[in-house]
Amino acid sequence: MKRQRLHYLGSVALIFTLLSGAYLADTSKPAQTQKEPEKPTIILVHGAFADGSSWGKVIPLLQKKGYKTISVQNPLTSLGDDVAFTQRAIAEVTGDIILVGHSWGGVVITEAGNSEKVKALVYVAAYAPDADQSIESISKDAHEVRKVPGVPGLSDPLITEGFI
């Protein structure tokens, strides 16, 4: 009986030792770092009277932070053409996208940003139209705001008359 009990205790001790060793072996390994979620690609859309190089100082800053960046070179021939160029850039990207538009580029990203891949629209000193809102209506609204009388002697006739 003593022998069986010793054999049983020895077996339990052996199993415990093996399990403890396996556990310690697992915990002694360097902790596996969780993979960081992939950052979205940032597509930069220039405004009118500019080109993709206008983002030249912004791109290195974003890349230093680990973002992939694309600066679209829109033809500025029409809204439809600019949207088509931007949508081609969107189609080439795998993964999430943030669209950034400056000035006229705001209108372009509003129209082009309907892809499921586009997670955010960023407007940098840009037109930010509502759905089905035209630049003409935005400009008209801005002109109405400027009809408020300026400060006497400090009024700029070009701005007062709506030539912005």
C-alpha atoms as a PDB file:
ATOM      1  CA  MET A   1       0.000   0.000   0.000  1.00  0.00           C
ATOM      2  CA  LYS A   2       2.830   2.362   0.887  1.00  0.00           C
ATOM      3  CA  ARG A   3       4.486   1.641  -2.396  1.00  0.00           C
ATOM      4  CA  GLN A   4       1.320   2.461  -4.370  1.00  0.00           C
ATOM      5  CA  ARG A   5       0.876   5.678  -2.476  1.00  0.00           C
ATOM      6  CA  LEU A   6       4.487   6.696  -3.064  1.00  0.00           C
ATOM      7  CA  HIS A   7       4.142   5.809  -6.727  1.00  0.00           C
ATOM      8  CA  TYR A   8       0.947   7.895  -6.905  1.00  0.00           C
ATOM      9  CA  LEU A   9       2.564  10.873  -5.114  1.00  0.00           C
ATOM     10  CA  GLY A  10       5.618  10.559  -7.339  1.00  0.00           C
ATOM     11  CA  SER A  11       3.425  10.623 -10.440  1.00  0.00           C
ATOM     12  CA  VAL A  12       1.534  13.670  -9.181  1.00  0.00           C
ATOM     13  CA  ALA A  13       4.810  15.413  -8.360  1.00  0.00           C
ATOM     14  CA  LEU A  14       6.209  14.576 -11.800  1.00  0.00           C
ATOM     15  CA  ILE A  15       3.108  15.889 -13.566  1.00  0.00           C
ATOM     16  CA  PHE A  16       3.131  19.018 -11.423  1.00  0.00           C
ATOM     17  CA  THR A  17       6.821  19.569 -12.174  1.00  0.00           C
ATOM     18  CA  LEU A  18       6.320  19.080 -15.897  1.00  0.00           C
ATOM     19  CA  LEU A  19       3.347  21.412 -15.973  1.00  0.00           C
ATOM     20  CA  SER A  20       5.171  24.016 -13.900  1.00  0.00           C
ATOM     21  CA  GLY A  21       8.183  23.755 -16.158  1.00  0.00           C
ATOM     22  CA  ALA A  22       6.047  24.151 -19.244  1.00  0.00           C
ATOM     23  CA  TYR A  23       4.345  27.171 -17.718  1.00  0.00           C
ATOM     24  CA  LEU A  24       7.653  28.698 -16.688  1.00  0.00           C
ATOM     25  CA  ALA A  25       9.083  27.998 -20.120  1.00  0.00           C
ATOM     26  CA  ASP A  26       6.162  29.842 -21.700  1.00  0.00           C
ATOM     27  CA  THR A  27       6.425  32.802 -19.345  1.00  0.00           C
ATOM     28  CA  SER A  28      10.189  33.038 -19.700  1.00  0.00           C
ATOM     29  CA  LYS A  29       9.824  33.763 -23.413  1.00  0.00           C
ATOM     30  CA  PRO A  30       9.728  37.418 -24.336  1.00  0.00           C
ATOM     31  CA  ALA A  31       6.178  38.663 -24.327  1.00  0.00           C
ATOM     32  CA  GLN A  32       4.663  38.587 -27.759  1.00  0.00           C
ATOM     33  CA  THR A  33       3.865  42.109 -28.737  1.00  0.00           C
ATOM     34  CA  GLN A  34       0.453  42.657 -30.156  1.00  0.00           C
ATOM     35  CA  LYS A  35       0.600  43.816 -33.721  1.00  0.00           C
ATOM     36  CA  GLU A  36      -0.321  47.469 -33.996  1.00  0.00           C
ATOM     37  CA  PRO A  37      -3.316  48.090 -36.200  1.00  0.00           C
ATOM     38  CA  GLU A  38      -2.253  49.234 -39.635  1.00  0.00           C
ATOM     39  CA  LYS A  39      -2.452  52.985 -40.051  1.00  0.00           C
ATOM     40  CA  PRO A  40      -4.705  54.318 -42.797  1.00  0.00           C
ATOM     41  CA  THR A  41      -3.276  55.631 -46.030  1.00  0.00           C
ATOM     42  CA  ILE A  42      -3.639  59.392 -46.332  1.00  0.00           C
ATOM     43  CA  ILE A  43      -4.603  60.676 -49.768  1.00  0.00           C
ATOM     44  CA  LEU A  44      -3.898  64.387 -50.184  1.00  0.00           C
ATOM     45  CA  VAL A  45      -5.950  66.363 -52.715  1.00  0.00           C
ATOM     46  CA  HIS A  46      -4.708  69.800 -53.787  1.00  0.00           C
ATOM     47  CA  GLY A  47      -6.815  72.844 -54.497  1.00  0.00           C
ATOM     48  CA  ALA A  48      -7.290  74.925 -57.620  1.00  0.00           C
ATOM     49  CA  PHE A  49      -4.285  76.763 -59.052  1.00  0.00           C
ATOM     50  CA  ALA A  50      -2.001  74.220 -57.351  1.00  0.00           C
ATOM     51  CA  ASP A  51      -0.722  70.710 -57.909  1.00  0.00           C
ATOM     52  CA  GLY A  52       0.262  67.657 -55.903  1.00  0.00           C
ATOM     53  CA  SER A  53       3.629  69.167 -54.998  1.00  0.00           C
ATOM     54  CA  SER A  54       1.827  71.657 -52.753  1.00  0.00           C
ATOM     55  CA  TRP A  55       1.807  68.890 -50.116  1.00  0.00           C
ATOM     56  CA  GLY A  56       5.613  68.562 -50.337  1.00  0.00           C
ATOM     57  CA  LYS A  57       6.302  69.701 -46.774  1.00  0.00           C
ATOM     58  CA  VAL A  58       3.379  67.784 -45.265  1.00  0.00           C
ATOM     59  CA  ILE A  59       4.190  64.378 -46.762  1.00  0.00           C
ATOM     60  CA  PRO A  60       7.523  63.819 -44.906  1.00  0.00           C
ATOM     61  CA  LEU A  61       5.885  64.750 -41.598  1.00  0.00           C
ATOM     62  CA  LEU A  62       3.119  62.193 -42.122  1.00  0.00           C
ATOM     63  CA  GLN A  63       5.550  59.525 -43.301  1.00  0.00           C
ATOM     64  CA  LYS A  64       7.721  60.096 -40.229  1.00  0.00           C
ATOM     65  CA  LYS A  65       4.629  59.213 -38.160  1.00  0.00           C
ATOM     66  CA  GLY A  66       4.253  55.966 -40.127  1.00  0.00           C
ATOM     67  CA  TYR A  67       1.499  56.951 -42.551  1.00  0.00           C
ATOM     68  CA  LYS A  68       1.532  55.949 -46.198  1.00  0.00           C
ATOM     69  CA  THR A  69       0.730  59.018 -48.258  1.00  0.00           C
ATOM     70  CA  ILE A  70      -0.443  59.673 -51.794  1.00  0.00           C
ATOM     71  CA  SER A  71      -0.619  63.134 -53.310  1.00  0.00           C
ATOM     72  CA  VAL A  72      -3.131  63.119 -56.147  1.00  0.00           C
ATOM     73  CA  GLN A  73      -2.259  65.117 -59.260  1.00  0.00           C
ATOM     74  CA  ASN A  74      -5.691  66.287 -60.403  1.00  0.00           C
ATOM     75  CA  PRO A  75      -6.033  67.845 -63.876  1.00  0.00           C
ATOM     76  CA  LEU A  76      -8.311  70.706 -62.712  1.00  0.00           C
ATOM     77  CA  THR A  77     -10.307  70.463 -65.940  1.00  0.00           C
ATOM     78  CA  SER A  78     -13.628  69.763 -64.214  1.00  0.00           C
ATOM     79  CA  LEU A  79     -15.052  68.475 -60.968  1.00  0.00           C
ATOM     80  CA  GLY A  80     -15.841  65.163 -62.679  1.00  0.00           C
ATOM     81  CA  ASP A  81     -12.255  64.734 -63.903  1.00  0.00           C
ATOM     82  CA  ASP A  82     -10.784  65.606 -60.505  1.00  0.00           C
ATOM     83  CA  VAL A  83     -13.138  63.183 -58.757  1.00  0.00           C
ATOM     84  CA  ALA A  84     -12.220  60.437 -61.262  1.00  0.00           C
ATOM     85  CA  PHE A  85      -8.475  60.937 -60.646  1.00  0.00           C
ATOM     86  CA  THR A  86      -9.002  60.843 -56.886  1.00  0.00           C
ATOM     87  CA  GLN A  87     -11.199  57.739 -57.127  1.00  0.00           C
ATOM     88  CA  ARG A  88      -8.436  55.984 -59.095  1.00  0.00           C
ATOM     89  CA  ALA A  89      -6.035  56.685 -56.245  1.00  0.00           C
ATOM     90  CA  ILE A  90      -8.607  55.320 -53.767  1.00  0.00           C
ATOM     91  CA  ALA A  91      -9.039  52.161 -55.865  1.00  0.00           C
ATOM     92  CA  GLU A  92      -5.289  51.451 -55.784  1.00  0.00           C
ATOM     93  CA  VAL A  93      -5.102  51.453 -51.983  1.00  0.00           C
ATOM     94  CA  THR A  94      -5.745  48.388 -49.869  1.00  0.00           C
ATOM     95  CA  GLY A  95      -6.947  49.182 -46.385  1.00  0.00           C
ATOM     96  CA  ASP A  96      -8.438  52.232 -44.755  1.00  0.00           C
ATOM     97  CA  ILE A  97      -8.061  55.720 -46.204  1.00  0.00           C
ATOM     98  CA  ILE A  98      -8.252  59.276 -44.908  1.00  0.00           C
ATOM     99  CA  LEU A  99      -8.934  61.852 -47.635  1.00  0.00           C
ATOM    100  CA  VAL A 100      -7.515  65.328 -47.070  1.00  0.00           C
ATOM    101  CA  GLY A 101      -8.578  68.206 -49.303  1.00  0.00           C
ATOM    102  CA  HIS A 102      -7.341  71.783 -49.493  1.00  0.00           C
ATOM    103  CA  SER A 103      -9.504  74.572 -50.939  1.00  0.00           C
ATOM    104  CA  TRP A 104     -11.156  73.185 -54.103  1.00  0.00           C
ATOM    105  CA  GLY A 105      -9.909  69.760 -52.972  1.00  0.00           C
ATOM    106  CA  GLY A 106     -12.640  69.840 -50.315  1.00  0.00           C
ATOM    107  CA  VAL A 107     -15.288  69.616 -53.020  1.00  0.00           C
ATOM    108  CA  VAL A 108     -13.355  66.804 -54.698  1.00  0.00           C
ATOM    109  CA  ILE A 109     -13.028  64.690 -51.532  1.00  0.00           C
ATOM    110  CA  THR A 110     -16.709  65.226 -50.725  1.00  0.00           C
ATOM    111  CA  GLU A 111     -17.646  63.712 -54.087  1.00  0.00           C
ATOM    112  CA  ALA A 112     -14.911  61.051 -54.220  1.00  0.00           C
ATOM    113  CA  GLY A 113     -15.124  59.925 -50.600  1.00  0.00           C
ATOM    114  CA  ASN A 114     -18.074  57.558 -50.925  1.00  0.00           C
ATOM    115  CA  SER A 115     -15.915  54.423 -50.906  1.00  0.00           C
ATOM    116  CA  GLU A 116     -16.196  52.023 -47.961  1.00  0.00           C
ATOM    117  CA  LYS A 117     -12.421  52.323 -47.602  1.00  0.00           C
ATOM    118  CA  VAL A 118     -12.654  56.043 -46.817  1.00  0.00           C
ATOM    119  CA  LYS A 119     -12.924  56.390 -43.043  1.00  0.00           C
ATOM    120  CA  ALA A 120     -12.596  60.174 -42.728  1.00  0.00           C
ATOM    121  CA  LEU A 121     -12.629  63.394 -44.714  1.00  0.00           C
ATOM    122  CA  VAL A 122     -10.347  66.221 -43.569  1.00  0.00           C
ATOM    123  CA  TYR A 123     -10.950  69.739 -44.879  1.00  0.00           C
ATOM    124  CA  VAL A 124      -7.918  72.063 -44.758  1.00  0.00           C
ATOM    125  CA  ALA A 125      -9.052  75.641 -45.461  1.00  0.00           C
ATOM    126  CA  ALA A 126     -11.404  73.981 -47.899  1.00  0.00           C
ATOM    127  CA  TYR A 127     -14.901  74.091 -49.256  1.00  0.00           C
ATOM    128  CA  ALA A 128     -16.958  71.595 -47.270  1.00  0.00           C
ATOM    129  CA  PRO A 129     -20.219  71.311 -49.183  1.00  0.00           C
ATOM    130  CA  ASP A 130     -23.254  69.466 -47.936  1.00  0.00           C
ATOM    131  CA  ALA A 131     -24.714  66.728 -50.110  1.00  0.00           C
ATOM    132  CA  ASP A 132     -25.881  68.222 -53.408  1.00  0.00           C
ATOM    133  CA  GLN A 133     -24.584  71.695 -52.498  1.00  0.00           C
ATOM    134  CA  SER A 134     -22.754  73.588 -55.244  1.00  0.00           C
ATOM    135  CA  ILE A 135     -19.768  75.896 -55.011  1.00  0.00           C
ATOM    136  CA  GLU A 136     -22.011  78.632 -56.361  1.00  0.00           C
ATOM    137  CA  SER A 137     -24.364  78.323 -53.393  1.00  0.00           C
ATOM    138  CA  ILE A 138     -21.459  78.243 -50.927  1.00  0.00           C
ATOM    139  CA  SER A 139     -19.973  81.364 -52.517  1.00  0.00           C
ATOM    140  CA  LYS A 140     -23.351  83.090 -52.500  1.00  0.00           C
ATOM    141  CA  ASP A 141     -23.735  82.319 -48.792  1.00  0.00           C
ATOM    142  CA  ALA A 142     -20.255  83.724 -48.129  1.00  0.00           C
ATOM    143  CA  HIS A 143     -21.121  86.895 -50.064  1.00  0.00           C
ATOM    144  CA  GLU A 144     -24.295  87.344 -47.993  1.00  0.00           C
ATOM    145  CA  VAL A 145     -22.240  87.165 -44.800  1.00  0.00           C
ATOM    146  CA  ARG A 146     -19.886  89.889 -46.102  1.00  0.00           C
ATOM    147  CA  LYS A 147     -22.788  92.302 -46.691  1.00  0.00           C
ATOM    148  CA  VAL A 148     -22.518  93.271 -43.041  1.00  0.00           C
ATOM    149  CA  PRO A 149     -20.975  96.765 -42.991  1.00  0.00           C
ATOM    150  CA  GLY A 150     -17.272  96.824 -42.255  1.00  0.00           C
ATOM    151  CA  VAL A 151     -15.404  99.108 -39.916  1.00  0.00           C
ATOM    152  CA  PRO A 152     -15.312 102.647 -41.397  1.00  0.00           C
ATOM    153  CA  GLY A 153     -11.917 103.362 -42.906  1.00  0.00           C
ATOM    154  CA  LEU A 154     -10.807  99.729 -42.704  1.00  0.00           C
ATOM    155  CA  SER A 155     -13.112  98.265 -45.317  1.00  0.00           C
ATOM    156  CA  ASP A 156     -11.497  96.517 -48.268  1.00  0.00           C
ATOM    157  CA  PRO A 157     -13.531  97.299 -51.415  1.00  0.00           C
ATOM    158  CA  LEU A 158     -12.548  94.029 -53.094  1.00  0.00           C
ATOM    159  CA  ILE A 159     -13.837  91.978 -50.174  1.00  0.00           C
ATOM    160  CA  THR A 160     -16.864  94.225 -49.614  1.00  0.00           C
ATOM    161  CA  GLU A 161     -17.912  93.729 -53.232  1.00  0.00           C
ATOM    162  CA  GLY A 162     -17.459  89.964 -53.005  1.00  0.00           C
ATOM    163  CA  PHE A 163     -14.225  89.613 -54.967  1.00  0.00           C
ATOM    164  CA  ILE A 164     -12.423  87.114 -52.784  1.00  0.00           C
END
